[in-house]
Amino acid sequence: MRVLIACEYSGTVRDAFIRAGHDAMSCDLLPTDAPGPHYQGDVREVIGGGWDMMIAHPECTRLTNAGVRWLKVPPPGKTLAQMWADLFAGAEFYKMLRDAPIPLKAIENPIMHCHARELIKPLNRQIVQPWWFGDEAFKATGFELVGLPELVATNKLTPPKSGTEEHKAWSAIHRASPGPLRWKFRSKTFNGIADAMAAQWGRA
């Protein structure tokens, strides 16, 4: 199966599909962090390449419910017009990925605010957690599925009790300190989820 991993620089999902025997390539504006098939550039330049499946991780900053406040009061250095323009651009990019001529698609998305939901109208959405697949971490991850079944948990762990040191460790992504690399730490796909994608969607 030919698989395009759109908007991925880490190579995590790409390499999981390659290990499972598929012809996979990642694509991102950034160079890949791991050696392997990677197209550095705009995904629109390769999206029509006859792919069987696409796993996409589009930028969600302006779509997520956590950032809806910026549509009323923009952050320092930005204008309200810029915030709304970014929202419209993000929604159009998401819809372009969803409408791509690829039969099997999974598009990662956040819990969207009402304006993003109205623009995008997401369907068939599944939310998974890393701890369903053996990784000791909390990170709700949503996928809009086109032609693909929902992922089935492969190694479901028991989450630690709230307030414990273990719970804090599992919450490392949410507790990450602000900094230039915080976005990179928060965006990477966990290995367990990537392996489940390759094993389950790879036979779709």
C-alpha atoms as a PDB file:
ATOM      1  CA  MET A   1       0.000   0.000   0.000  1.00  0.00           C
ATOM      2  CA  ARG A   2       1.264   3.513  -0.846  1.00  0.00           C
ATOM      3  CA  VAL A   3       0.827   5.751   2.189  1.00  0.00           C
ATOM      4  CA  LEU A   4       1.362   9.516   2.457  1.00  0.00           C
ATOM      5  CA  ILE A   5       1.989  10.890   5.943  1.00  0.00           C
ATOM      6  CA  ALA A   6       1.144  14.553   5.490  1.00  0.00           C
ATOM      7  CA  CYS A   7       2.474  17.305   7.751  1.00  0.00           C
ATOM      8  CA  GLU A   8       4.863  14.987   9.627  1.00  0.00           C
ATOM      9  CA  TYR A   9       8.507  15.876  10.277  1.00  0.00           C
ATOM     10  CA  SER A  10       9.286  13.236  12.941  1.00  0.00           C
ATOM     11  CA  GLY A  11       8.962  10.169  10.708  1.00  0.00           C
ATOM     12  CA  THR A  12       7.199   8.253  13.500  1.00  0.00           C
ATOM     13  CA  VAL A  13       4.069   7.257  11.573  1.00  0.00           C
ATOM     14  CA  ARG A  14       5.975   6.909   8.285  1.00  0.00           C
ATOM     15  CA  ASP A  15       8.444   4.477   9.819  1.00  0.00           C
ATOM     16  CA  ALA A  16       5.676   2.444  11.480  1.00  0.00           C
ATOM     17  CA  PHE A  17       4.077   1.865   8.071  1.00  0.00           C
ATOM     18  CA  ILE A  18       7.444   1.038   6.499  1.00  0.00           C
ATOM     19  CA  ARG A  19       8.113  -1.538   9.236  1.00  0.00           C
ATOM     20  CA  ALA A  20       4.705  -3.048   8.436  1.00  0.00           C
ATOM     21  CA  GLY A  21       5.762  -3.517   4.814  1.00  0.00           C
ATOM     22  CA  HIS A  22       4.163  -0.489   3.147  1.00  0.00           C
ATOM     23  CA  ASP A  23       5.566   2.117   0.760  1.00  0.00           C
ATOM     24  CA  ALA A  24       5.276   5.216   2.960  1.00  0.00           C
ATOM     25  CA  MET A  25       6.536   8.778   2.624  1.00  0.00           C
ATOM     26  CA  SER A  26       6.270  11.705   5.023  1.00  0.00           C
ATOM     27  CA  CYS A  27       5.845  15.294   3.855  1.00  0.00           C
ATOM     28  CA  ASP A  28       6.328  18.554   5.721  1.00  0.00           C
ATOM     29  CA  LEU A  29       7.674  22.069   5.264  1.00  0.00           C
ATOM     30  CA  LEU A  30      10.373  21.043   7.767  1.00  0.00           C
ATOM     31  CA  PRO A  31      13.096  18.471   7.119  1.00  0.00           C
ATOM     32  CA  THR A  32      12.532  15.062   8.667  1.00  0.00           C
ATOM     33  CA  ASP A  33      14.010  14.288  12.075  1.00  0.00           C
ATOM     34  CA  ALA A  34      14.704  10.680  11.079  1.00  0.00           C
ATOM     35  CA  PRO A  35      16.296   9.344   7.875  1.00  0.00           C
ATOM     36  CA  GLY A  36      13.731   7.946   5.487  1.00  0.00           C
ATOM     37  CA  PRO A  37      11.483   8.803   2.521  1.00  0.00           C
ATOM     38  CA  HIS A  38      10.488  12.431   3.016  1.00  0.00           C
ATOM     39  CA  TYR A  39       9.335  15.285   0.792  1.00  0.00           C
ATOM     40  CA  GLN A  40      10.220  18.683   2.196  1.00  0.00           C
ATOM     41  CA  GLY A  41       7.715  21.103   0.774  1.00  0.00           C
ATOM     42  CA  ASP A  42       4.017  21.829   0.381  1.00  0.00           C
ATOM     43  CA  VAL A  43       1.892  18.679   0.563  1.00  0.00           C
ATOM     44  CA  ARG A  44      -0.246  20.029  -2.281  1.00  0.00           C
ATOM     45  CA  GLU A  45       2.696  19.322  -4.576  1.00  0.00           C
ATOM     46  CA  VAL A  46       2.553  15.559  -3.943  1.00  0.00           C
ATOM     47  CA  ILE A  47      -1.001  14.872  -2.795  1.00  0.00           C
ATOM     48  CA  GLY A  48      -2.079  13.736  -6.270  1.00  0.00           C
ATOM     49  CA  GLY A  49       0.588  11.045  -6.509  1.00  0.00           C
ATOM     50  CA  GLY A  50      -1.703   8.021  -6.613  1.00  0.00           C
ATOM     51  CA  TRP A  51      -1.699   7.265  -2.868  1.00  0.00           C
ATOM     52  CA  ASP A  52      -3.856   4.530  -1.350  1.00  0.00           C
ATOM     53  CA  MET A  53      -3.966   6.124   2.089  1.00  0.00           C
ATOM     54  CA  MET A  54      -3.130   9.409   3.778  1.00  0.00           C
ATOM     55  CA  ILE A  55      -2.558  10.094   7.467  1.00  0.00           C
ATOM     56  CA  ALA A  56      -2.527  13.881   7.884  1.00  0.00           C
ATOM     57  CA  HIS A  57      -1.552  16.088  10.818  1.00  0.00           C
ATOM     58  CA  PRO A  58      -2.540  19.625   9.749  1.00  0.00           C
ATOM     59  CA  GLU A  59      -1.739  22.668  11.882  1.00  0.00           C
ATOM     60  CA  CYS A  60      -4.577  23.094  14.378  1.00  0.00           C
ATOM     61  CA  THR A  61      -3.619  26.239  16.339  1.00  0.00           C
ATOM     62  CA  ARG A  62      -6.469  28.361  14.965  1.00  0.00           C
ATOM     63  CA  LEU A  63      -9.015  25.521  15.001  1.00  0.00           C
ATOM     64  CA  THR A  64      -8.713  24.295  18.558  1.00  0.00           C
ATOM     65  CA  ASN A  65     -11.207  25.228  21.245  1.00  0.00           C
ATOM     66  CA  ALA A  66      -8.304  26.213  23.502  1.00  0.00           C
ATOM     67  CA  GLY A  67      -7.500  29.150  21.218  1.00  0.00           C
ATOM     68  CA  VAL A  68     -10.997  30.490  20.520  1.00  0.00           C
ATOM     69  CA  ARG A  69     -10.339  33.457  22.823  1.00  0.00           C
ATOM     70  CA  TRP A  70      -7.919  34.907  20.267  1.00  0.00           C
ATOM     71  CA  LEU A  71     -10.859  35.462  17.893  1.00  0.00           C
ATOM     72  CA  LYS A  72     -12.162  38.094  20.320  1.00  0.00           C
ATOM     73  CA  VAL A  73      -8.950  39.537  21.762  1.00  0.00           C
ATOM     74  CA  PRO A  74      -5.865  38.844  19.609  1.00  0.00           C
ATOM     75  CA  PRO A  75      -2.507  37.960  21.200  1.00  0.00           C
ATOM     76  CA  PRO A  76       0.249  40.592  21.390  1.00  0.00           C
ATOM     77  CA  GLY A  77       1.600  41.524  17.970  1.00  0.00           C
ATOM     78  CA  LYS A  78      -1.443  40.226  16.077  1.00  0.00           C
ATOM     79  CA  THR A  79      -4.646  41.841  14.874  1.00  0.00           C
ATOM     80  CA  LEU A  80      -8.168  40.466  15.007  1.00  0.00           C
ATOM     81  CA  ALA A  81      -8.237  40.428  11.204  1.00  0.00           C
ATOM     82  CA  GLN A  82      -5.103  38.253  11.163  1.00  0.00           C
ATOM     83  CA  MET A  83      -6.635  35.789  13.631  1.00  0.00           C
ATOM     84  CA  TRP A  84      -9.749  35.341  11.500  1.00  0.00           C
ATOM     85  CA  ALA A  85      -7.709  35.100   8.299  1.00  0.00           C
ATOM     86  CA  ASP A  86      -5.579  32.377   9.914  1.00  0.00           C
ATOM     87  CA  LEU A  87      -8.757  30.524  10.926  1.00  0.00           C
ATOM     88  CA  PHE A  88     -10.159  30.613   7.382  1.00  0.00           C
ATOM     89  CA  ALA A  89      -6.810  29.508   5.929  1.00  0.00           C
ATOM     90  CA  GLY A  90      -6.536  26.642   8.435  1.00  0.00           C
ATOM     91  CA  ALA A  91     -10.071  25.478   7.667  1.00  0.00           C
ATOM     92  CA  GLU A  92      -9.462  25.582   3.905  1.00  0.00           C
ATOM     93  CA  PHE A  93      -6.236  23.587   4.263  1.00  0.00           C
ATOM     94  CA  TYR A  94      -8.010  20.974   6.389  1.00  0.00           C
ATOM     95  CA  LYS A  95     -10.816  20.630   3.837  1.00  0.00           C
ATOM     96  CA  MET A  96      -8.295  20.363   1.004  1.00  0.00           C
ATOM     97  CA  LEU A  97      -6.715  17.382   2.752  1.00  0.00           C
ATOM     98  CA  ARG A  98     -10.088  15.772   3.415  1.00  0.00           C
ATOM     99  CA  ASP A  99     -11.177  16.242  -0.211  1.00  0.00           C
ATOM    100  CA  ALA A 100      -7.923  14.856  -1.655  1.00  0.00           C
ATOM    101  CA  PRO A 101      -8.329  12.076  -4.267  1.00  0.00           C
ATOM    102  CA  ILE A 102      -7.139   9.382  -1.856  1.00  0.00           C
ATOM    103  CA  PRO A 103      -9.610   6.622  -0.865  1.00  0.00           C
ATOM    104  CA  LEU A 104      -8.466   6.050   2.731  1.00  0.00           C
ATOM    105  CA  LYS A 105      -7.807   9.043   4.978  1.00  0.00           C
ATOM    106  CA  ALA A 106      -7.299   9.867   8.646  1.00  0.00           C
ATOM    107  CA  ILE A 107      -6.987  13.560   9.474  1.00  0.00           C
ATOM    108  CA  GLU A 108      -5.844  14.500  12.941  1.00  0.00           C
ATOM    109  CA  ASN A 109      -7.848  17.300  14.498  1.00  0.00           C
ATOM    110  CA  PRO A 110      -8.364  18.924  17.896  1.00  0.00           C
ATOM    111  CA  ILE A 111     -11.549  19.582  19.835  1.00  0.00           C
ATOM    112  CA  MET A 112     -12.692  22.401  17.563  1.00  0.00           C
ATOM    113  CA  HIS A 113     -14.358  25.647  18.563  1.00  0.00           C
ATOM    114  CA  CYS A 114     -17.777  26.455  17.117  1.00  0.00           C
ATOM    115  CA  HIS A 115     -16.457  28.614  14.264  1.00  0.00           C
ATOM    116  CA  ALA A 116     -14.086  25.877  13.050  1.00  0.00           C
ATOM    117  CA  ARG A 117     -16.823  23.244  13.298  1.00  0.00           C
ATOM    118  CA  GLU A 118     -19.120  25.426  11.216  1.00  0.00           C
ATOM    119  CA  LEU A 119     -16.460  25.925   8.533  1.00  0.00           C
ATOM    120  CA  ILE A 120     -15.208  22.320   8.415  1.00  0.00           C
ATOM    121  CA  LYS A 121     -18.179  20.218   9.537  1.00  0.00           C
ATOM    122  CA  PRO A 122     -16.051  17.220  10.646  1.00  0.00           C
ATOM    123  CA  LEU A 123     -17.605  13.739  10.495  1.00  0.00           C
ATOM    124  CA  ASN A 124     -16.769  10.246  11.784  1.00  0.00           C
ATOM    125  CA  ARG A 125     -14.430  11.505  14.496  1.00  0.00           C
ATOM    126  CA  GLN A 126     -12.596   9.179  16.897  1.00  0.00           C
ATOM    127  CA  ILE A 127     -10.604  10.291  19.945  1.00  0.00           C
ATOM    128  CA  VAL A 128      -7.814   8.038  21.240  1.00  0.00           C
ATOM    129  CA  GLN A 129      -5.278   8.235  24.065  1.00  0.00           C
ATOM    130  CA  PRO A 130      -1.630   7.030  24.071  1.00  0.00           C
ATOM    131  CA  TRP A 131      -2.315   4.858  27.131  1.00  0.00           C
ATOM    132  CA  TRP A 132      -4.731   2.779  25.049  1.00  0.00           C
ATOM    133  CA  PHE A 133      -1.668   1.590  23.130  1.00  0.00           C
ATOM    134  CA  GLY A 134       0.890   1.060  25.890  1.00  0.00           C
ATOM    135  CA  ASP A 135       2.371   4.574  26.261  1.00  0.00           C
ATOM    136  CA  GLU A 136       2.232   6.092  29.732  1.00  0.00           C
ATOM    137  CA  ALA A 137       0.840   9.455  28.695  1.00  0.00           C
ATOM    138  CA  PHE A 138      -2.281  11.578  28.399  1.00  0.00           C
ATOM    139  CA  LYS A 139      -2.892  13.251  25.048  1.00  0.00           C
ATOM    140  CA  ALA A 140      -6.379  13.156  23.583  1.00  0.00           C
ATOM    141  CA  THR A 141      -5.894  12.765  19.833  1.00  0.00           C
ATOM    142  CA  GLY A 142      -8.796  13.111  17.398  1.00  0.00           C
ATOM    143  CA  PHE A 143      -8.989  11.669  13.885  1.00  0.00           C
ATOM    144  CA  GLU A 144     -11.600  12.276  11.226  1.00  0.00           C
ATOM    145  CA  LEU A 145     -11.827   8.954   9.395  1.00  0.00           C
ATOM    146  CA  VAL A 146     -12.654   8.539   5.709  1.00  0.00           C
ATOM    147  CA  GLY A 147     -12.956   4.903   4.613  1.00  0.00           C
ATOM    148  CA  LEU A 148     -11.074   3.701   7.705  1.00  0.00           C
ATOM    149  CA  PRO A 149     -12.326   1.904  10.831  1.00  0.00           C
ATOM    150  CA  GLU A 150     -11.808   3.240  14.328  1.00  0.00           C
ATOM    151  CA  LEU A 151      -8.578   2.173  15.984  1.00  0.00           C
ATOM    152  CA  VAL A 152      -8.925  -0.598  18.547  1.00  0.00           C
ATOM    153  CA  ALA A 153      -6.882  -0.377  21.766  1.00  0.00           C
ATOM    154  CA  THR A 154      -3.955  -2.805  21.734  1.00  0.00           C
ATOM    155  CA  ASN A 155      -2.453  -2.495  25.234  1.00  0.00           C
ATOM    156  CA  LYS A 156      -4.773  -0.498  27.469  1.00  0.00           C
ATOM    157  CA  LEU A 157      -3.058   0.676  30.641  1.00  0.00           C
ATOM    158  CA  THR A 158      -4.676   1.786  33.887  1.00  0.00           C
ATOM    159  CA  PRO A 159      -4.225   5.546  34.334  1.00  0.00           C
ATOM    160  CA  PRO A 160      -2.769   6.678  37.673  1.00  0.00           C
ATOM    161  CA  LYS A 161      -4.858   8.591  40.189  1.00  0.00           C
ATOM    162  CA  SER A 162      -5.101  12.329  39.796  1.00  0.00           C
ATOM    163  CA  GLY A 163      -2.732  14.261  42.042  1.00  0.00           C
ATOM    164  CA  THR A 164      -0.063  11.551  42.213  1.00  0.00           C
ATOM    165  CA  GLU A 165       3.477  11.973  40.929  1.00  0.00           C
ATOM    166  CA  GLU A 166       2.792   9.269  38.356  1.00  0.00           C
ATOM    167  CA  HIS A 167      -0.237  11.187  37.092  1.00  0.00           C
ATOM    168  CA  LYS A 168       1.940  14.286  36.753  1.00  0.00           C
ATOM    169  CA  ALA A 169       4.465  12.276  34.747  1.00  0.00           C
ATOM    170  CA  TRP A 170       1.731  11.007  32.430  1.00  0.00           C
ATOM    171  CA  SER A 171       0.622  14.643  31.984  1.00  0.00           C
ATOM    172  CA  ALA A 172       4.039  15.832  30.791  1.00  0.00           C
ATOM    173  CA  ILE A 173       2.641  17.138  27.501  1.00  0.00           C
ATOM    174  CA  HIS A 174       0.061  19.330  29.215  1.00  0.00           C
ATOM    175  CA  ARG A 175       2.555  20.454  31.856  1.00  0.00           C
ATOM    176  CA  ALA A 176       5.331  21.320  29.402  1.00  0.00           C
ATOM    177  CA  SER A 177       6.917  24.683  30.108  1.00  0.00           C
ATOM    178  CA  PRO A 178       6.633  27.431  27.473  1.00  0.00           C
ATOM    179  CA  GLY A 179       9.609  27.556  25.144  1.00  0.00           C
ATOM    180  CA  PRO A 180      10.692  27.438  21.508  1.00  0.00           C
ATOM    181  CA  LEU A 181      10.483  23.625  21.289  1.00  0.00           C
ATOM    182  CA  ARG A 182       7.246  23.137  23.264  1.00  0.00           C
ATOM    183  CA  TRP A 183       5.204  22.806  20.050  1.00  0.00           C
ATOM    184  CA  LYS A 184       7.499  20.045  18.810  1.00  0.00           C
ATOM    185  CA  PHE A 185       7.221  18.066  22.036  1.00  0.00           C
ATOM    186  CA  ARG A 186       3.420  18.402  22.019  1.00  0.00           C
ATOM    187  CA  SER A 187       2.920  17.489  18.347  1.00  0.00           C
ATOM    188  CA  LYS A 188       4.804  14.191  18.047  1.00  0.00           C
ATOM    189  CA  THR A 189       2.734  11.039  17.575  1.00  0.00           C
ATOM    190  CA  PHE A 190       3.321   8.324  20.181  1.00  0.00           C
ATOM    191  CA  ASN A 191       4.869   5.086  18.931  1.00  0.00           C
ATOM    192  CA  GLY A 192       2.000   2.917  20.187  1.00  0.00           C
ATOM    193  CA  ILE A 193      -0.591   4.866  18.196  1.00  0.00           C
ATOM    194  CA  ALA A 194       1.644   4.860  15.106  1.00  0.00           C
ATOM    195  CA  ASP A 195       2.125   1.090  15.327  1.00  0.00           C
ATOM    196  CA  ALA A 196      -1.631   0.571  15.738  1.00  0.00           C
ATOM    197  CA  MET A 197      -2.313   2.700  12.653  1.00  0.00           C
ATOM    198  CA  ALA A 198       0.101   0.646  10.574  1.00  0.00           C
ATOM    199  CA  ALA A 199      -1.161  -2.707  11.856  1.00  0.00           C
ATOM    200  CA  GLN A 200      -4.908  -1.966  11.710  1.00  0.00           C
ATOM    201  CA  TRP A 201      -5.309   0.589   8.918  1.00  0.00           C
ATOM    202  CA  GLY A 202      -2.591  -1.105   6.884  1.00  0.00           C
ATOM    203  CA  ARG A 203      -4.961  -3.985   6.239  1.00  0.00           C
ATOM    204  CA  ALA A 204      -8.035  -1.806   5.560  1.00  0.00           C
END
